N, C-alpha and C. Protein backbone atom coordinates (compact mmCIF):
# COMPACT_ATOMS: atom_id res chain seq x y z
N MET A 1 0.86 -1.21 -0.02
CA MET A 1 -0.03 -0.01 -0.01
C MET A 1 0.88 1.26 0.01
N PRO A 2 0.53 2.23 -0.80
CA PRO A 2 1.38 3.43 -0.88
C PRO A 2 1.34 4.27 0.44
N VAL A 3 2.35 4.98 0.63
CA VAL A 3 2.43 5.97 1.70
C VAL A 3 1.81 7.25 1.17
N PHE A 4 0.76 7.76 1.80
CA PHE A 4 0.13 8.97 1.30
C PHE A 4 0.76 10.20 1.91
N MET A 5 1.57 10.87 1.13
CA MET A 5 2.26 12.15 1.60
C MET A 5 1.26 13.26 1.57
N ASN A 6 0.60 13.40 0.51
CA ASN A 6 -0.53 14.25 0.31
C ASN A 6 -1.42 13.60 -0.75
N ASP A 7 -2.48 14.22 -1.12
CA ASP A 7 -3.44 13.52 -2.00
C ASP A 7 -2.92 13.28 -3.39
N ALA A 8 -1.76 13.92 -3.80
CA ALA A 8 -1.34 13.78 -5.15
C ALA A 8 0.06 13.17 -5.26
N THR A 9 0.70 12.69 -4.13
CA THR A 9 1.99 12.09 -4.19
C THR A 9 2.00 10.84 -3.33
N PHE A 10 2.57 9.75 -3.93
CA PHE A 10 2.65 8.45 -3.24
C PHE A 10 4.03 7.92 -3.45
N LEU A 11 4.60 7.25 -2.40
CA LEU A 11 5.94 6.69 -2.44
C LEU A 11 5.91 5.24 -2.14
N LYS A 12 6.80 4.48 -2.80
CA LYS A 12 6.97 3.07 -2.55
C LYS A 12 8.30 2.57 -3.17
N LYS A 13 9.15 1.98 -2.32
CA LYS A 13 10.41 1.35 -2.81
C LYS A 13 11.25 2.26 -3.73
N GLY A 14 11.33 3.57 -3.34
CA GLY A 14 12.14 4.47 -4.11
C GLY A 14 11.50 5.04 -5.30
N PHE A 15 10.22 4.65 -5.57
CA PHE A 15 9.49 5.20 -6.66
C PHE A 15 8.43 6.20 -6.15
N LEU A 16 8.05 7.11 -7.02
CA LEU A 16 7.09 8.12 -6.70
C LEU A 16 5.99 8.15 -7.75
N ILE A 17 4.77 8.20 -7.32
CA ILE A 17 3.65 8.42 -8.24
C ILE A 17 3.15 9.87 -7.92
N SER A 18 2.89 10.62 -8.95
CA SER A 18 2.42 11.95 -8.75
C SER A 18 1.37 12.34 -9.83
N THR A 19 0.43 13.17 -9.43
CA THR A 19 -0.56 13.71 -10.40
C THR A 19 -0.14 15.13 -10.88
N ASP A 20 1.09 15.53 -10.61
CA ASP A 20 1.57 16.84 -11.00
C ASP A 20 2.06 16.71 -12.42
N ASN A 21 1.29 17.32 -13.33
CA ASN A 21 1.63 17.25 -14.77
C ASN A 21 2.97 17.95 -15.10
N ALA A 22 3.38 18.86 -14.22
CA ALA A 22 4.70 19.56 -14.44
C ALA A 22 5.81 18.61 -14.28
N MET A 23 5.67 17.45 -13.63
CA MET A 23 6.72 16.50 -13.49
C MET A 23 6.86 15.57 -14.72
N LEU A 24 5.81 15.47 -15.55
CA LEU A 24 5.85 14.55 -16.67
C LEU A 24 6.94 14.90 -17.66
N ASN A 25 7.61 13.96 -18.16
CA ASN A 25 8.56 14.09 -19.21
C ASN A 25 7.79 13.82 -20.51
N PHE A 26 7.25 14.91 -21.06
CA PHE A 26 6.41 14.77 -22.22
C PHE A 26 6.97 13.98 -23.34
N ASP A 27 8.26 14.17 -23.63
CA ASP A 27 8.91 13.49 -24.76
C ASP A 27 8.93 12.01 -24.52
N ILE A 28 9.18 11.56 -23.32
CA ILE A 28 9.19 10.14 -23.02
C ILE A 28 7.77 9.53 -23.15
N VAL A 29 6.82 10.20 -22.56
CA VAL A 29 5.42 9.75 -22.69
C VAL A 29 4.99 9.72 -24.14
N TYR A 30 5.28 10.77 -24.85
CA TYR A 30 4.87 10.81 -26.26
C TYR A 30 5.57 9.75 -27.09
N ASN A 31 6.88 9.58 -26.90
CA ASN A 31 7.60 8.60 -27.67
C ASN A 31 7.06 7.17 -27.44
N TYR A 32 6.79 6.88 -26.17
CA TYR A 32 6.28 5.57 -25.87
C TYR A 32 4.89 5.36 -26.57
N LEU A 33 3.98 6.29 -26.37
CA LEU A 33 2.65 6.14 -26.89
C LEU A 33 2.65 6.14 -28.41
N ALA A 34 3.38 7.03 -29.03
CA ALA A 34 3.35 7.10 -30.50
C ALA A 34 4.13 6.07 -31.21
N ASN A 35 5.14 5.49 -30.51
CA ASN A 35 6.06 4.59 -31.22
C ASN A 35 6.02 3.16 -30.63
N ASP A 36 5.78 2.98 -29.37
CA ASP A 36 5.83 1.60 -28.76
C ASP A 36 4.43 1.02 -28.40
N SER A 37 3.45 1.84 -28.19
CA SER A 37 2.12 1.29 -27.86
C SER A 37 1.46 0.79 -29.08
N TYR A 38 0.49 -0.11 -28.92
CA TYR A 38 -0.33 -0.55 -30.01
C TYR A 38 -1.56 0.30 -30.16
N TRP A 39 -1.95 1.07 -29.15
CA TRP A 39 -3.19 1.76 -29.13
C TRP A 39 -3.12 3.24 -29.54
N ALA A 40 -1.94 3.84 -29.53
CA ALA A 40 -1.78 5.22 -29.83
C ALA A 40 -0.74 5.47 -30.93
N LYS A 41 -0.48 4.48 -31.75
CA LYS A 41 0.59 4.63 -32.80
C LYS A 41 0.30 5.91 -33.62
N GLU A 42 1.33 6.64 -33.85
CA GLU A 42 1.29 7.85 -34.70
C GLU A 42 0.35 8.97 -34.15
N MET A 43 0.10 8.93 -32.83
CA MET A 43 -0.65 10.01 -32.24
C MET A 43 0.07 11.39 -32.42
N PRO A 44 -0.62 12.37 -32.98
CA PRO A 44 0.05 13.64 -33.11
C PRO A 44 0.44 14.27 -31.75
N ARG A 45 1.56 14.90 -31.67
CA ARG A 45 2.05 15.50 -30.40
C ARG A 45 1.06 16.43 -29.81
N GLU A 46 0.40 17.28 -30.64
CA GLU A 46 -0.56 18.25 -30.14
C GLU A 46 -1.85 17.57 -29.55
N LYS A 47 -2.16 16.41 -30.12
CA LYS A 47 -3.34 15.70 -29.55
C LYS A 47 -3.02 15.20 -28.15
N LEU A 48 -1.79 14.70 -28.01
CA LEU A 48 -1.37 14.18 -26.66
C LEU A 48 -1.31 15.37 -25.68
N LYS A 49 -0.72 16.49 -26.10
CA LYS A 49 -0.63 17.69 -25.18
C LYS A 49 -2.01 18.08 -24.70
N THR A 50 -3.01 18.15 -25.62
CA THR A 50 -4.40 18.50 -25.25
C THR A 50 -4.98 17.42 -24.35
N ALA A 51 -4.75 16.19 -24.65
CA ALA A 51 -5.28 15.06 -23.86
C ALA A 51 -4.80 15.14 -22.40
N ILE A 52 -3.47 15.39 -22.25
CA ILE A 52 -2.85 15.49 -20.88
C ILE A 52 -3.45 16.66 -20.12
N GLU A 53 -3.61 17.80 -20.82
CA GLU A 53 -4.12 19.01 -20.20
C GLU A 53 -5.55 18.85 -19.69
N ASN A 54 -6.28 17.93 -20.34
CA ASN A 54 -7.68 17.79 -20.02
C ASN A 54 -7.98 16.49 -19.30
N SER A 55 -7.00 15.82 -18.74
CA SER A 55 -7.14 14.56 -18.07
C SER A 55 -6.43 14.63 -16.71
N LEU A 56 -6.76 13.63 -15.88
CA LEU A 56 -6.01 13.48 -14.59
C LEU A 56 -4.93 12.44 -14.90
N CYS A 57 -3.68 12.85 -14.82
CA CYS A 57 -2.58 11.99 -15.21
C CYS A 57 -1.79 11.56 -13.97
N PHE A 58 -1.29 10.33 -14.03
CA PHE A 58 -0.51 9.76 -12.97
C PHE A 58 0.88 9.40 -13.58
N GLY A 59 1.95 9.99 -13.09
CA GLY A 59 3.22 9.60 -13.55
C GLY A 59 3.99 8.81 -12.48
N ILE A 60 4.76 7.87 -12.90
CA ILE A 60 5.65 7.09 -11.94
C ILE A 60 7.08 7.60 -12.29
N TYR A 61 7.86 7.81 -11.20
CA TYR A 61 9.20 8.31 -11.33
C TYR A 61 10.18 7.56 -10.41
N LYS A 62 11.39 7.40 -10.91
CA LYS A 62 12.48 6.87 -10.09
C LYS A 62 13.62 7.91 -10.23
N ASN A 63 13.98 8.52 -9.09
CA ASN A 63 14.94 9.52 -9.06
C ASN A 63 14.69 10.64 -10.07
N GLY A 64 13.44 11.03 -10.16
CA GLY A 64 13.01 12.06 -11.05
C GLY A 64 12.86 11.72 -12.51
N GLU A 65 13.17 10.45 -12.87
CA GLU A 65 13.06 10.02 -14.25
C GLU A 65 11.74 9.30 -14.46
N GLN A 66 11.07 9.56 -15.58
CA GLN A 66 9.80 8.93 -15.88
C GLN A 66 10.01 7.43 -16.00
N ALA A 67 9.12 6.67 -15.28
CA ALA A 67 9.14 5.19 -15.34
C ALA A 67 7.84 4.65 -15.90
N GLY A 68 6.75 5.40 -15.74
CA GLY A 68 5.49 4.94 -16.19
C GLY A 68 4.47 6.05 -16.23
N PHE A 69 3.31 5.78 -16.67
CA PHE A 69 2.29 6.78 -16.95
C PHE A 69 0.86 6.18 -17.01
N ALA A 70 -0.11 6.91 -16.64
CA ALA A 70 -1.50 6.56 -16.87
C ALA A 70 -2.32 7.86 -16.95
N ARG A 71 -3.36 7.82 -17.79
CA ARG A 71 -4.23 8.98 -18.02
C ARG A 71 -5.65 8.59 -17.72
N ILE A 72 -6.32 9.38 -16.97
CA ILE A 72 -7.75 9.13 -16.57
C ILE A 72 -8.60 10.23 -17.15
N VAL A 73 -9.58 9.82 -17.95
CA VAL A 73 -10.57 10.74 -18.50
C VAL A 73 -11.79 10.63 -17.55
N THR A 74 -12.17 11.72 -16.94
CA THR A 74 -13.23 11.61 -15.90
C THR A 74 -13.93 12.91 -15.63
N ASP A 75 -15.18 12.75 -15.15
CA ASP A 75 -15.85 13.97 -14.66
C ASP A 75 -15.76 14.05 -13.17
N LYS A 76 -15.07 13.09 -12.54
CA LYS A 76 -14.81 13.02 -11.07
C LYS A 76 -16.06 12.91 -10.27
N ALA A 77 -17.17 12.51 -10.89
CA ALA A 77 -18.44 12.34 -10.20
C ALA A 77 -19.17 11.02 -10.53
N THR A 78 -19.06 10.61 -11.81
CA THR A 78 -19.83 9.41 -12.17
C THR A 78 -19.00 8.41 -12.97
N PHE A 79 -17.97 8.85 -13.68
CA PHE A 79 -17.35 8.02 -14.69
C PHE A 79 -15.80 8.26 -14.77
N ALA A 80 -15.05 7.24 -15.01
CA ALA A 80 -13.62 7.38 -15.25
C ALA A 80 -13.22 6.30 -16.30
N TYR A 81 -12.46 6.77 -17.27
CA TYR A 81 -11.91 5.89 -18.30
C TYR A 81 -10.41 5.95 -18.14
N ILE A 82 -9.79 4.74 -17.85
CA ILE A 82 -8.40 4.59 -17.70
C ILE A 82 -7.76 4.29 -19.07
N CYS A 83 -6.73 5.11 -19.40
CA CYS A 83 -6.15 4.89 -20.76
C CYS A 83 -4.64 5.25 -20.73
N ASP A 84 -3.98 4.94 -21.80
CA ASP A 84 -2.57 5.28 -22.01
C ASP A 84 -1.66 4.79 -20.84
N VAL A 85 -1.99 3.66 -20.31
CA VAL A 85 -1.20 3.10 -19.22
C VAL A 85 0.05 2.33 -19.70
N PHE A 86 1.16 2.73 -19.14
CA PHE A 86 2.38 1.98 -19.52
C PHE A 86 3.45 2.10 -18.41
N ILE A 87 4.29 1.13 -18.38
CA ILE A 87 5.53 1.07 -17.61
C ILE A 87 6.63 0.90 -18.57
N LEU A 88 7.66 1.75 -18.54
CA LEU A 88 8.78 1.61 -19.46
C LEU A 88 9.44 0.26 -19.30
N HIS A 89 10.00 -0.30 -20.33
CA HIS A 89 10.59 -1.62 -20.31
C HIS A 89 11.59 -1.81 -19.24
N ALA A 90 12.39 -0.83 -18.93
CA ALA A 90 13.43 -0.98 -17.87
C ALA A 90 12.88 -1.14 -16.46
N TYR A 91 11.60 -0.83 -16.28
CA TYR A 91 11.02 -0.83 -14.97
C TYR A 91 9.94 -1.92 -14.82
N ARG A 92 9.79 -2.78 -15.77
CA ARG A 92 8.75 -3.79 -15.70
C ARG A 92 9.22 -4.97 -14.82
N GLY A 93 8.20 -5.67 -14.38
CA GLY A 93 8.40 -6.92 -13.60
C GLY A 93 8.70 -6.70 -12.14
N ILE A 94 8.46 -5.46 -11.62
CA ILE A 94 8.65 -5.24 -10.20
C ILE A 94 7.40 -4.73 -9.45
N GLY A 95 6.21 -4.88 -10.12
CA GLY A 95 4.96 -4.57 -9.50
C GLY A 95 4.46 -3.15 -9.65
N LEU A 96 5.10 -2.37 -10.55
CA LEU A 96 4.69 -0.96 -10.67
C LEU A 96 3.26 -0.81 -11.30
N SER A 97 2.93 -1.65 -12.23
CA SER A 97 1.61 -1.53 -12.84
C SER A 97 0.52 -1.79 -11.80
N LYS A 98 0.73 -2.80 -10.94
CA LYS A 98 -0.31 -3.07 -9.89
C LYS A 98 -0.41 -1.88 -8.94
N TRP A 99 0.77 -1.31 -8.54
CA TRP A 99 0.74 -0.18 -7.67
C TRP A 99 0.08 1.00 -8.29
N LEU A 100 0.34 1.21 -9.58
CA LEU A 100 -0.30 2.29 -10.31
C LEU A 100 -1.82 2.19 -10.32
N VAL A 101 -2.30 1.02 -10.63
CA VAL A 101 -3.78 0.81 -10.66
C VAL A 101 -4.35 0.94 -9.24
N GLN A 102 -3.70 0.38 -8.23
CA GLN A 102 -4.15 0.57 -6.85
C GLN A 102 -4.26 2.08 -6.50
N THR A 103 -3.23 2.80 -6.87
CA THR A 103 -3.14 4.22 -6.53
C THR A 103 -4.31 5.00 -7.25
N ILE A 104 -4.50 4.71 -8.49
CA ILE A 104 -5.57 5.35 -9.24
C ILE A 104 -6.93 5.02 -8.64
N LEU A 105 -7.18 3.77 -8.32
CA LEU A 105 -8.50 3.41 -7.78
C LEU A 105 -8.68 3.98 -6.37
N ALA A 106 -7.66 4.19 -5.62
CA ALA A 106 -7.76 4.78 -4.27
C ALA A 106 -7.72 6.26 -4.23
N PHE A 107 -7.47 6.95 -5.32
CA PHE A 107 -7.34 8.38 -5.36
C PHE A 107 -8.62 9.06 -4.90
N SER A 108 -8.51 10.00 -3.94
CA SER A 108 -9.64 10.54 -3.28
C SER A 108 -10.69 11.20 -4.25
N GLU A 109 -10.15 11.90 -5.27
CA GLU A 109 -11.04 12.57 -6.23
C GLU A 109 -11.81 11.64 -7.14
N LEU A 110 -11.52 10.36 -7.05
CA LEU A 110 -12.17 9.39 -7.94
C LEU A 110 -13.09 8.36 -7.10
N GLN A 111 -13.29 8.71 -5.85
CA GLN A 111 -14.15 7.82 -5.04
C GLN A 111 -15.62 8.01 -5.35
N GLY A 112 -16.40 6.91 -5.28
CA GLY A 112 -17.85 7.04 -5.44
C GLY A 112 -18.31 7.04 -6.87
N LEU A 113 -17.38 6.79 -7.85
CA LEU A 113 -17.85 6.75 -9.18
C LEU A 113 -18.77 5.59 -9.51
N ARG A 114 -19.67 5.78 -10.42
CA ARG A 114 -20.61 4.74 -10.78
C ARG A 114 -19.95 3.77 -11.72
N ARG A 115 -19.10 4.21 -12.60
CA ARG A 115 -18.49 3.31 -13.59
C ARG A 115 -17.03 3.68 -13.86
N TRP A 116 -16.22 2.65 -13.88
CA TRP A 116 -14.86 2.73 -14.39
C TRP A 116 -14.77 1.89 -15.70
N SER A 117 -14.01 2.38 -16.63
CA SER A 117 -13.94 1.71 -17.92
C SER A 117 -12.47 1.73 -18.42
N LEU A 118 -12.13 0.77 -19.26
CA LEU A 118 -10.85 0.74 -19.92
C LEU A 118 -10.93 -0.23 -21.05
N ALA A 119 -9.97 -0.21 -21.93
CA ALA A 119 -9.83 -1.15 -23.02
C ALA A 119 -8.41 -1.65 -23.02
N THR A 120 -8.24 -2.94 -23.16
CA THR A 120 -6.92 -3.53 -23.23
C THR A 120 -6.89 -4.76 -24.09
N LEU A 121 -5.80 -4.96 -24.80
CA LEU A 121 -5.61 -6.12 -25.63
C LEU A 121 -4.98 -7.24 -24.82
N ASP A 122 -4.15 -6.92 -23.87
CA ASP A 122 -3.29 -7.93 -23.26
C ASP A 122 -3.09 -7.85 -21.77
N ALA A 123 -3.81 -6.91 -21.06
CA ALA A 123 -3.60 -6.75 -19.67
C ALA A 123 -4.84 -7.11 -18.81
N GLN A 124 -5.72 -8.00 -19.35
CA GLN A 124 -6.91 -8.40 -18.56
C GLN A 124 -6.58 -8.97 -17.19
N GLY A 125 -5.48 -9.73 -17.14
CA GLY A 125 -5.06 -10.33 -15.84
C GLY A 125 -4.72 -9.30 -14.82
N LEU A 126 -4.12 -8.23 -15.24
CA LEU A 126 -3.82 -7.18 -14.27
C LEU A 126 -5.09 -6.54 -13.76
N TYR A 127 -5.95 -6.08 -14.68
CA TYR A 127 -7.13 -5.32 -14.27
C TYR A 127 -8.17 -6.21 -13.57
N SER A 128 -8.24 -7.46 -13.90
CA SER A 128 -9.22 -8.38 -13.26
C SER A 128 -8.94 -8.46 -11.78
N GLN A 129 -7.66 -8.33 -11.33
CA GLN A 129 -7.35 -8.37 -9.92
C GLN A 129 -8.00 -7.25 -9.12
N PHE A 130 -8.41 -6.26 -9.84
CA PHE A 130 -9.06 -5.06 -9.19
C PHE A 130 -10.56 -4.96 -9.40
N GLY A 131 -11.13 -6.08 -9.92
CA GLY A 131 -12.58 -6.14 -10.08
C GLY A 131 -13.08 -5.76 -11.45
N PHE A 132 -12.19 -5.46 -12.38
CA PHE A 132 -12.66 -5.19 -13.81
C PHE A 132 -13.06 -6.45 -14.41
N THR A 133 -14.16 -6.38 -15.15
CA THR A 133 -14.72 -7.55 -15.86
C THR A 133 -15.04 -7.11 -17.30
N GLN A 134 -15.33 -8.09 -18.13
CA GLN A 134 -15.78 -7.75 -19.49
C GLN A 134 -17.07 -6.95 -19.43
N ILE A 135 -17.32 -6.11 -20.35
CA ILE A 135 -18.50 -5.29 -20.38
C ILE A 135 -19.73 -6.17 -20.46
N THR A 136 -20.67 -5.96 -19.52
CA THR A 136 -21.95 -6.62 -19.64
C THR A 136 -22.83 -5.80 -20.61
N ASN A 137 -23.64 -6.48 -21.35
CA ASN A 137 -24.47 -5.81 -22.36
C ASN A 137 -23.68 -4.96 -23.33
N PRO A 138 -22.69 -5.56 -23.99
CA PRO A 138 -21.89 -4.78 -24.90
C PRO A 138 -22.70 -4.15 -26.05
N GLU A 139 -23.83 -4.75 -26.31
CA GLU A 139 -24.70 -4.21 -27.36
C GLU A 139 -25.25 -2.84 -27.13
N ARG A 140 -25.12 -2.41 -25.83
CA ARG A 140 -25.56 -1.06 -25.44
C ARG A 140 -24.44 -0.02 -25.73
N TRP A 141 -23.25 -0.43 -25.86
CA TRP A 141 -22.08 0.44 -26.07
C TRP A 141 -21.91 0.74 -27.54
N MET A 142 -21.64 1.98 -27.87
CA MET A 142 -21.46 2.36 -29.26
C MET A 142 -20.16 3.27 -29.35
N GLN A 143 -19.69 3.45 -30.54
CA GLN A 143 -18.54 4.25 -30.67
C GLN A 143 -18.44 4.84 -32.08
N ILE A 144 -17.71 5.93 -32.15
CA ILE A 144 -17.25 6.47 -33.42
C ILE A 144 -15.75 6.35 -33.34
N TYR A 145 -15.13 5.65 -34.28
CA TYR A 145 -13.70 5.43 -34.25
C TYR A 145 -13.08 6.16 -35.47
N THR A 146 -12.19 7.08 -35.22
CA THR A 146 -11.49 7.84 -36.22
C THR A 146 -9.97 7.70 -36.00
N PRO A 147 -9.34 6.89 -36.73
CA PRO A 147 -7.85 6.79 -36.57
C PRO A 147 -7.15 8.08 -36.81
N TYR A 148 -5.96 8.23 -36.22
CA TYR A 148 -5.16 9.43 -36.40
C TYR A 148 -4.82 9.55 -37.91
N LEU A 149 -5.00 10.70 -38.40
CA LEU A 149 -4.60 10.96 -39.83
C LEU A 149 -3.23 11.53 -39.88
N LYS A 150 -2.42 11.09 -40.79
CA LYS A 150 -1.11 11.68 -40.95
C LYS A 150 -1.19 13.03 -41.56
N ASP A 151 -0.37 13.98 -41.02
CA ASP A 151 -0.39 15.34 -41.49
C ASP A 151 0.26 15.49 -42.86
């Protein structure tokens, strides 16, 4: 369980999780999402800047260096969508993704929500540990999907 220093900073085993966007290393976050992720390939830099500015972001740091990231799209009252979650390759295998999800779900501004949502190709095992299940009644969900267009 994280040590709560204040509501936006958590410490564990020399790592720090913070919701302070000023700490984010935008280039590292952008490079991972645009080049290494399967879900945000070729995302334009300006789109990510706008997304970060309008979301609740959680960064993981080791000695001030970016180690991981997650972005929450939320109204902080009824709904939260967890997205853009990653741990950099050098920091995988030590439990950071579990700690990140625990921290997000315990965050005071996100308590009492009616629905949490996310989409994942390969991390169902991680999220199911925290009560996430496949969507019931998927026929009720709809979407408009517009891939990023190259400039």
